[in-house]
Amino acid sequence: MDVKYPNITVQLTGQDGNAFGIIGKVSGALRRGGVPKEEIAKFTSKAMSGDYDNVLTTCMEWVNCD
């Protein structure tokens, strides 16, 4: 699977399993990585479009997850 922003890494292991917290953590990393607001909005929309597994899958598609 190709990661959209391979230069951005987010540690998700050992984190709270709250979906909104995970989305916020990845969104913040994208923002700090210089990703445009429009792209972050696309990430957020896609991550919120399904269940918890969708959140994790979307995160792994957009950034490197540890």
PDB file of N, CA and C in Angstrom:
ATOM      1  N   MET A   1       0.855  -1.185   0.000  1.00  0.00           N
ATOM      2  CA  MET A   1       0.000   0.000   0.000  1.00  0.00           C
ATOM      3  C   MET A   1       0.897   1.244   0.000  1.00  0.00           C
ATOM      4  N   ASP A   2       0.655   2.150  -0.929  1.00  0.00           N
ATOM      5  CA  ASP A   2       1.396   3.398  -0.976  1.00  0.00           C
ATOM      6  C   ASP A   2       0.797   4.388   0.006  1.00  0.00           C
ATOM      7  N   VAL A   3       1.672   5.039   0.761  1.00  0.00           N
ATOM      8  CA  VAL A   3       1.253   6.040   1.735  1.00  0.00           C
ATOM      9  C   VAL A   3       1.281   7.397   1.048  1.00  0.00           C
ATOM     10  N   LYS A   4       0.214   8.154   1.207  1.00  0.00           N
ATOM     11  CA  LYS A   4       0.083   9.443   0.527  1.00  0.00           C
ATOM     12  C   LYS A   4       1.152  10.436   0.988  1.00  0.00           C
ATOM     13  N   TYR A   5       1.435  10.468   2.291  1.00  0.00           N
ATOM     14  CA  TYR A   5       2.448  11.371   2.842  1.00  0.00           C
ATOM     15  C   TYR A   5       3.453  10.551   3.647  1.00  0.00           C
ATOM     16  N   PRO A   6       4.373   9.862   2.948  1.00  0.00           N
ATOM     17  CA  PRO A   6       5.307   8.969   3.641  1.00  0.00           C
ATOM     18  C   PRO A   6       6.306   9.681   4.540  1.00  0.00           C
ATOM     19  N   ASN A   7       6.459  10.979   4.366  1.00  0.00           N
ATOM     20  CA  ASN A   7       7.387  11.740   5.200  1.00  0.00           C
ATOM     21  C   ASN A   7       6.793  12.088   6.565  1.00  0.00           C
ATOM     22  N   ILE A   8       5.515  11.768   6.790  1.00  0.00           N
ATOM     23  CA  ILE A   8       4.844  12.068   8.063  1.00  0.00           C
ATOM     24  C   ILE A   8       4.569  10.749   8.779  1.00  0.00           C
ATOM     25  N   THR A   9       5.020  10.677  10.031  1.00  0.00           N
ATOM     26  CA  THR A   9       4.822   9.479  10.836  1.00  0.00           C
ATOM     27  C   THR A   9       4.057   9.847  12.099  1.00  0.00           C
ATOM     28  N   VAL A  10       3.069   9.036  12.435  1.00  0.00           N
ATOM     29  CA  VAL A  10       2.256   9.254  13.638  1.00  0.00           C
ATOM     30  C   VAL A  10       2.267   7.970  14.449  1.00  0.00           C
ATOM     31  N   GLN A  11       2.546   8.098  15.736  1.00  0.00           N
ATOM     32  CA  GLN A  11       2.528   6.931  16.611  1.00  0.00           C
ATOM     33  C   GLN A  11       1.103   6.718  17.119  1.00  0.00           C
ATOM     34  N   LEU A  12       0.521   5.601  16.731  1.00  0.00           N
ATOM     35  CA  LEU A  12      -0.833   5.270  17.169  1.00  0.00           C
ATOM     36  C   LEU A  12      -0.842   4.165  18.209  1.00  0.00           C
ATOM     37  N   THR A  13       0.219   3.362  18.257  1.00  0.00           N
ATOM     38  CA  THR A  13       0.267   2.295  19.250  1.00  0.00           C
ATOM     39  C   THR A  13       0.402   2.909  20.634  1.00  0.00           C
ATOM     40  N   GLY A  14      -0.342   2.343  21.570  1.00  0.00           N
ATOM     41  CA  GLY A  14      -0.309   2.835  22.939  1.00  0.00           C
ATOM     42  C   GLY A  14      -1.155   4.075  23.162  1.00  0.00           C
ATOM     43  N   GLN A  15      -1.886   4.502  22.135  1.00  0.00           N
ATOM     44  CA  GLN A  15      -2.731   5.681  22.231  1.00  0.00           C
ATOM     45  C   GLN A  15      -4.151   5.281  22.603  1.00  0.00           C
ATOM     46  N   ASP A  16      -4.898   6.250  23.066  1.00  0.00           N
ATOM     47  CA  ASP A  16      -6.316   6.052  23.340  1.00  0.00           C
ATOM     48  C   ASP A  16      -6.995   5.585  22.061  1.00  0.00           C
ATOM     49  N   GLY A  17      -7.908   4.640  22.162  1.00  0.00           N
ATOM     50  CA  GLY A  17      -8.583   4.087  21.003  1.00  0.00           C
ATOM     51  C   GLY A  17      -9.735   4.933  20.491  1.00  0.00           C
ATOM     52  N   ASN A  18      -9.833   6.170  20.944  1.00  0.00           N
ATOM     53  CA  ASN A  18     -10.904   7.063  20.533  1.00  0.00           C
ATOM     54  C   ASN A  18     -10.694   7.484  19.075  1.00  0.00           C
ATOM     55  N   ALA A  19     -11.669   7.198  18.231  1.00  0.00           N
ATOM     56  CA  ALA A  19     -11.553   7.502  16.806  1.00  0.00           C
ATOM     57  C   ALA A  19     -11.321   8.989  16.549  1.00  0.00           C
ATOM     58  N   PHE A  20     -12.033   9.839  17.263  1.00  0.00           N
ATOM     59  CA  PHE A  20     -11.865  11.282  17.055  1.00  0.00           C
ATOM     60  C   PHE A  20     -10.483  11.742  17.499  1.00  0.00           C
ATOM     61  N   GLY A  21      -9.960  11.134  18.547  1.00  0.00           N
ATOM     62  CA  GLY A  21      -8.608  11.455  19.004  1.00  0.00           C
ATOM     63  C   GLY A  21      -7.565  11.064  17.969  1.00  0.00           C
ATOM     64  N   ILE A  22      -7.751   9.911  17.354  1.00  0.00           N
ATOM     65  CA  ILE A  22      -6.828   9.447  16.321  1.00  0.00           C
ATOM     66  C   ILE A  22      -6.884  10.368  15.109  1.00  0.00           C
ATOM     67  N   ILE A  23      -8.086  10.713  14.683  1.00  0.00           N
ATOM     68  CA  ILE A  23      -8.240  11.626  13.544  1.00  0.00           C
ATOM     69  C   ILE A  23      -7.579  12.972  13.855  1.00  0.00           C
ATOM     70  N   GLY A  24      -7.768  13.460  15.068  1.00  0.00           N
ATOM     71  CA  GLY A  24      -7.157  14.724  15.464  1.00  0.00           C
ATOM     72  C   GLY A  24      -5.639  14.655  15.475  1.00  0.00           C
ATOM     73  N   LYS A  25      -5.110  13.549  15.947  1.00  0.00           N
ATOM     74  CA  LYS A  25      -3.656  13.376  15.998  1.00  0.00           C
ATOM     75  C   LYS A  25      -3.059  13.363  14.592  1.00  0.00           C
ATOM     76  N   VAL A  26      -3.687  12.630  13.691  1.00  0.00           N
ATOM     77  CA  VAL A  26      -3.187  12.571  12.312  1.00  0.00           C
ATOM     78  C   VAL A  26      -3.391  13.916  11.609  1.00  0.00           C
ATOM     79  N   SER A  27      -4.528  14.552  11.827  1.00  0.00           N
ATOM     80  CA  SER A  27      -4.770  15.869  11.218  1.00  0.00           C
ATOM     81  C   SER A  27      -3.714  16.876  11.667  1.00  0.00           C
ATOM     82  N   GLY A  28      -3.380  16.849  12.944  1.00  0.00           N
ATOM     83  CA  GLY A  28      -2.348  17.748  13.467  1.00  0.00           C
ATOM     84  C   GLY A  28      -0.993  17.476  12.836  1.00  0.00           C
ATOM     85  N   ALA A  29      -0.658  16.205  12.659  1.00  0.00           N
ATOM     86  CA  ALA A  29       0.611  15.849  12.023  1.00  0.00           C
ATOM     87  C   ALA A  29       0.636  16.312  10.568  1.00  0.00           C
ATOM     88  N   LEU A  30      -0.493  16.162   9.890  1.00  0.00           N
ATOM     89  CA  LEU A  30      -0.577  16.638   8.507  1.00  0.00           C
ATOM     90  C   LEU A  30      -0.394  18.154   8.448  1.00  0.00           C
ATOM     91  N   ARG A  31      -1.034  18.853   9.359  1.00  0.00           N
ATOM     92  CA  ARG A  31      -0.907  20.315   9.412  1.00  0.00           C
ATOM     93  C   ARG A  31       0.543  20.722   9.656  1.00  0.00           C
ATOM     94  N   ARG A  32       1.181  20.088  10.652  1.00  0.00           N
ATOM     95  CA  ARG A  32       2.586  20.397  10.950  1.00  0.00           C
ATOM     96  C   ARG A  32       3.502  20.027   9.795  1.00  0.00           C
ATOM     97  N   GLY A  33       3.084  19.047   8.990  1.00  0.00           N
ATOM     98  CA  GLY A  33       3.866  18.630   7.828  1.00  0.00           C
ATOM     99  C   GLY A  33       3.670  19.508   6.609  1.00  0.00           C
ATOM    100  N   GLY A  34       2.851  20.545   6.744  1.00  0.00           N
ATOM    101  CA  GLY A  34       2.659  21.491   5.650  1.00  0.00           C
ATOM    102  C   GLY A  34       1.625  21.078   4.622  1.00  0.00           C
ATOM    103  N   VAL A  35       0.790  20.115   4.965  1.00  0.00           N
ATOM    104  CA  VAL A  35      -0.249  19.672   4.039  1.00  0.00           C
ATOM    105  C   VAL A  35      -1.349  20.743   3.983  1.00  0.00           C
ATOM    106  N   PRO A  36      -1.808  21.094   2.798  1.00  0.00           N
ATOM    107  CA  PRO A  36      -2.848  22.125   2.655  1.00  0.00           C
ATOM    108  C   PRO A  36      -4.142  21.750   3.393  1.00  0.00           C
ATOM    109  N   LYS A  37      -4.842  22.769   3.858  1.00  0.00           N
ATOM    110  CA  LYS A  37      -6.096  22.568   4.603  1.00  0.00           C
ATOM    111  C   LYS A  37      -7.112  21.751   3.821  1.00  0.00           C
ATOM    112  N   GLU A  38      -7.159  21.955   2.513  1.00  0.00           N
ATOM    113  CA  GLU A  38      -8.122  21.234   1.689  1.00  0.00           C
ATOM    114  C   GLU A  38      -7.843  19.729   1.717  1.00  0.00           C
ATOM    115  N   GLU A  39      -6.567  19.364   1.708  1.00  0.00           N
ATOM    116  CA  GLU A  39      -6.183  17.956   1.768  1.00  0.00           C
ATOM    117  C   GLU A  39      -6.517  17.363   3.138  1.00  0.00           C
ATOM    118  N   ILE A  40      -6.275  18.132   4.178  1.00  0.00           N
ATOM    119  CA  ILE A  40      -6.598  17.657   5.532  1.00  0.00           C
ATOM    120  C   ILE A  40      -8.101  17.454   5.662  1.00  0.00           C
ATOM    121  N   ALA A  41      -8.876  18.327   5.059  1.00  0.00           N
ATOM    122  CA  ALA A  41     -10.333  18.176   5.080  1.00  0.00           C
ATOM    123  C   ALA A  41     -10.748  16.894   4.353  1.00  0.00           C
ATOM    124  N   LYS A  42     -10.065  16.551   3.263  1.00  0.00           N
ATOM    125  CA  LYS A  42     -10.351  15.302   2.551  1.00  0.00           C
ATOM    126  C   LYS A  42     -10.039  14.100   3.437  1.00  0.00           C
ATOM    127  N   PHE A  43      -8.892  14.169   4.127  1.00  0.00           N
ATOM    128  CA  PHE A  43      -8.531  13.087   5.050  1.00  0.00           C
ATOM    129  C   PHE A  43      -9.606  12.914   6.115  1.00  0.00           C
ATOM    130  N   THR A  44      -9.987  14.012   6.740  1.00  0.00           N
ATOM    131  CA  THR A  44     -10.968  13.966   7.827  1.00  0.00           C
ATOM    132  C   THR A  44     -12.294  13.407   7.336  1.00  0.00           C
ATOM    133  N   SER A  45     -12.744  13.863   6.188  1.00  0.00           N
ATOM    134  CA  SER A  45     -14.004  13.389   5.627  1.00  0.00           C
ATOM    135  C   SER A  45     -13.960  11.891   5.354  1.00  0.00           C
ATOM    136  N   LYS A  46     -12.872  11.430   4.752  1.00  0.00           N
ATOM    137  CA  LYS A  46     -12.740   9.997   4.446  1.00  0.00           C
ATOM    138  C   LYS A  46     -12.664   9.173   5.729  1.00  0.00           C
ATOM    139  N   ALA A  47     -11.892   9.646   6.704  1.00  0.00           N
ATOM    140  CA  ALA A  47     -11.738   8.902   7.955  1.00  0.00           C
ATOM    141  C   ALA A  47     -13.066   8.784   8.705  1.00  0.00           C
ATOM    142  N   MET A  48     -13.899   9.808   8.600  1.00  0.00           N
ATOM    143  CA  MET A  48     -15.165   9.819   9.327  1.00  0.00           C
ATOM    144  C   MET A  48     -16.310   9.168   8.551  1.00  0.00           C
ATOM    145  N   SER A  49     -16.017   8.641   7.367  1.00  0.00           N
ATOM    146  CA  SER A  49     -17.085   8.114   6.518  1.00  0.00           C
ATOM    147  C   SER A  49     -17.437   6.653   6.799  1.00  0.00           C
ATOM    148  N   GLY A  50     -16.859   6.080   7.833  1.00  0.00           N
ATOM    149  CA  GLY A  50     -17.143   4.679   8.118  1.00  0.00           C
ATOM    150  C   GLY A  50     -16.949   4.350   9.579  1.00  0.00           C
ATOM    151  N   ASP A  51     -16.630   3.105   9.839  1.00  0.00           N
ATOM    152  CA  ASP A  51     -16.465   2.639  11.211  1.00  0.00           C
ATOM    153  C   ASP A  51     -15.020   2.837  11.697  1.00  0.00           C
ATOM    154  N   TYR A  52     -14.731   2.290  12.872  1.00  0.00           N
ATOM    155  CA  TYR A  52     -13.412   2.441  13.486  1.00  0.00           C
ATOM    156  C   TYR A  52     -12.318   1.850  12.597  1.00  0.00           C
ATOM    157  N   ASP A  53     -12.586   0.712  11.991  1.00  0.00           N
ATOM    158  CA  ASP A  53     -11.597   0.115  11.086  1.00  0.00           C
ATOM    159  C   ASP A  53     -11.295   1.039   9.919  1.00  0.00           C
ATOM    160  N   ASN A  54     -12.306   1.750   9.429  1.00  0.00           N
ATOM    161  CA  ASN A  54     -12.103   2.717   8.356  1.00  0.00           C
ATOM    162  C   ASN A  54     -11.183   3.845   8.814  1.00  0.00           C
ATOM    163  N   VAL A  55     -11.336   4.291  10.051  1.00  0.00           N
ATOM    164  CA  VAL A  55     -10.461   5.346  10.584  1.00  0.00           C
ATOM    165  C   VAL A  55      -9.013   4.880  10.514  1.00  0.00           C
ATOM    166  N   LEU A  56      -8.743   3.676  11.016  1.00  0.00           N
ATOM    167  CA  LEU A  56      -7.375   3.165  11.037  1.00  0.00           C
ATOM    168  C   LEU A  56      -6.835   2.944   9.625  1.00  0.00           C
ATOM    169  N   THR A  57      -7.653   2.395   8.749  1.00  0.00           N
ATOM    170  CA  THR A  57      -7.229   2.165   7.369  1.00  0.00           C
ATOM    171  C   THR A  57      -6.902   3.477   6.674  1.00  0.00           C
ATOM    172  N   THR A  58      -7.750   4.475   6.864  1.00  0.00           N
ATOM    173  CA  THR A  58      -7.522   5.784   6.247  1.00  0.00           C
ATOM    174  C   THR A  58      -6.229   6.401   6.763  1.00  0.00           C
ATOM    175  N   CYS A  59      -5.992   6.307   8.063  1.00  0.00           N
ATOM    176  CA  CYS A  59      -4.744   6.844   8.634  1.00  0.00           C
ATOM    177  C   CYS A  59      -3.534   6.178   7.990  1.00  0.00           C
ATOM    178  N   MET A  60      -3.589   4.862   7.843  1.00  0.00           N
ATOM    179  CA  MET A  60      -2.465   4.120   7.253  1.00  0.00           C
ATOM    180  C   MET A  60      -2.285   4.421   5.776  1.00  0.00           C
ATOM    181  N   GLU A  61      -3.342   4.862   5.105  1.00  0.00           N
ATOM    182  CA  GLU A  61      -3.232   5.255   3.696  1.00  0.00           C
ATOM    183  C   GLU A  61      -2.595   6.632   3.542  1.00  0.00           C
ATOM    184  N   TRP A  62      -2.751   7.473   4.556  1.00  0.00           N
ATOM    185  CA  TRP A  62      -2.290   8.858   4.445  1.00  0.00           C
ATOM    186  C   TRP A  62      -0.923   9.116   5.060  1.00  0.00           C
ATOM    187  N   VAL A  63      -0.592   8.449   6.179  1.00  0.00           N
ATOM    188  CA  VAL A  63       0.678   8.677   6.871  1.00  0.00           C
ATOM    189  C   VAL A  63       1.276   7.342   7.317  1.00  0.00           C
ATOM    190  N   ASN A  64       2.542   7.353   7.668  1.00  0.00           N
ATOM    191  CA  ASN A  64       3.160   6.185   8.270  1.00  0.00           C
ATOM    192  C   ASN A  64       2.705   6.112   9.712  1.00  0.00           C
ATOM    193  N   CYS A  65       2.241   4.943  10.136  1.00  0.00           N
ATOM    194  CA  CYS A  65       1.745   4.763  11.496  1.00  0.00           C
ATOM    195  C   CYS A  65       2.636   3.788  12.240  1.00  0.00           C
ATOM    196  N   ASP A  66       3.024   4.188  13.433  1.00  0.00           N
ATOM    197  CA  ASP A  66       3.810   3.320  14.320  1.00  0.00           C
ATOM    198  C   ASP A  66       2.926   2.778  15.409  1.00  0.00           C
TER     199      ASP A  66
END
